[in-house]
Each structure stands twice: as structure tokens, then as C-alpha cells.
Amino acid sequence: MAEYAIVYEWAGQNYSAYAPDLPGCIACGDTIEETENLMREAIDLYIETLKEDGKTIPSPTTKTGSLQIAI
């Protein structure tokens, strides 16, 4: 098992997501939940393709957090 950081962004009409440790692995959906499900599928396909091509699967290295800032 590996745990990859996922970044979700509101794109004005929908949500988009990407995994910084998996270049080019992205997904878009109407809701966060849909985007998360599509991202899970995208990661599975991404890793499957790497395995089929005999390439190394990148290790998760990106860490996430949040900060509260007074505005």
C-alpha cells in the first residue's frame, strides 16, 4: 500500500485533481466525491501502465498540510 497526496482545485465549473508524485495523473469531476473516485481510477491505471512498461513506480514523497491565516 502507498499513500499519495492529492491536490483538489475548484476550476470554476468543476473540480480537478492531481497527484504531485505521479506526473500527468489527473482527474476532473462535478463534485469532490466524483473527482476522488475518478482520481483513484486514474492512479490505478497509471500504476498498471508503469508496471506493464517495466518502469519504476514513484514513491510518495509529497507531504501536505494547512495553515490558518488571519485575513
Protein backbone atom coordinates (compact mmCIF):
# COMPACT_ATOMS: atom_id res chain seq x y z
CA MET A 1 0.00 0.00 0.00
CA ALA A 2 1.11 3.55 -0.69
CA GLU A 3 -0.49 6.86 0.20
CA TYR A 4 -0.19 9.61 -2.41
CA ALA A 5 -1.01 13.25 -1.75
CA ILE A 6 -3.85 14.52 -3.95
CA VAL A 7 -4.48 18.20 -4.67
CA TYR A 8 -8.08 19.21 -5.37
CA GLU A 9 -8.90 22.53 -7.01
CA TRP A 10 -12.14 24.26 -7.94
CA ALA A 11 -11.83 25.01 -11.67
CA GLY A 12 -14.84 27.33 -11.98
CA GLN A 13 -17.19 24.71 -13.44
CA ASN A 14 -15.90 21.53 -11.86
CA TYR A 15 -13.18 20.12 -9.63
CA SER A 16 -9.81 18.94 -10.84
CA ALA A 17 -7.25 16.85 -9.02
CA TYR A 18 -3.67 15.73 -9.47
CA ALA A 19 -1.06 13.69 -7.66
CA PRO A 20 2.24 15.63 -7.44
CA ASP A 21 4.24 12.39 -7.18
CA LEU A 22 2.61 10.92 -10.32
CA PRO A 23 3.28 13.40 -13.14
CA GLY A 24 0.39 13.69 -15.57
CA CYS A 25 -2.02 11.72 -13.40
CA ILE A 26 -5.13 13.92 -13.24
CA ALA A 27 -8.92 13.70 -12.99
CA CYS A 28 -11.90 16.07 -13.17
CA GLY A 29 -15.42 15.74 -11.79
CA ASP A 30 -18.52 17.68 -10.86
CA THR A 31 -18.06 17.06 -7.11
CA ILE A 32 -15.15 16.34 -4.79
CA GLU A 33 -16.50 12.82 -4.28
CA GLU A 34 -16.72 12.13 -8.03
CA THR A 35 -13.27 13.61 -8.57
CA GLU A 36 -11.84 11.45 -5.78
CA ASN A 37 -13.32 8.29 -7.31
CA LEU A 38 -12.03 9.21 -10.77
CA MET A 39 -8.62 10.03 -9.31
CA ARG A 40 -8.46 6.61 -7.65
CA GLU A 41 -9.19 5.01 -11.04
CA ALA A 42 -6.60 7.24 -12.73
CA ILE A 43 -3.92 6.24 -10.21
CA ASP A 44 -4.73 2.54 -10.60
CA LEU A 45 -4.43 2.84 -14.39
CA TYR A 46 -1.26 4.95 -14.10
CA ILE A 47 0.46 2.38 -11.88
CA GLU A 48 -0.78 -0.53 -14.00
CA THR A 49 0.68 1.12 -17.11
CA LEU A 50 4.03 1.72 -15.38
CA LYS A 51 4.18 -1.95 -14.39
CA GLU A 52 3.31 -3.12 -17.91
CA ASP A 53 6.06 -0.87 -19.32
CA GLY A 54 8.59 -2.15 -16.77
CA LYS A 55 9.02 1.30 -15.25
CA THR A 56 9.57 2.21 -11.63
CA ILE A 57 6.55 3.27 -9.61
CA PRO A 58 7.33 6.63 -7.96
CA SER A 59 7.34 6.58 -4.18
CA PRO A 60 5.05 9.04 -2.45
CA THR A 61 7.18 11.92 -1.17
CA THR A 62 4.86 14.93 -1.18
CA LYS A 63 3.52 15.94 2.22
CA THR A 64 0.52 18.19 2.72
CA GLY A 65 -0.76 20.42 5.45
CA SER A 66 -2.73 23.56 6.01
CA LEU A 67 -2.20 26.75 7.94
CA GLN A 68 -4.77 29.08 9.45
CA ILE A 69 -4.06 32.66 8.48
CA ALA A 70 -5.87 35.74 9.77
CA ILE A 71 -7.38 37.72 6.89
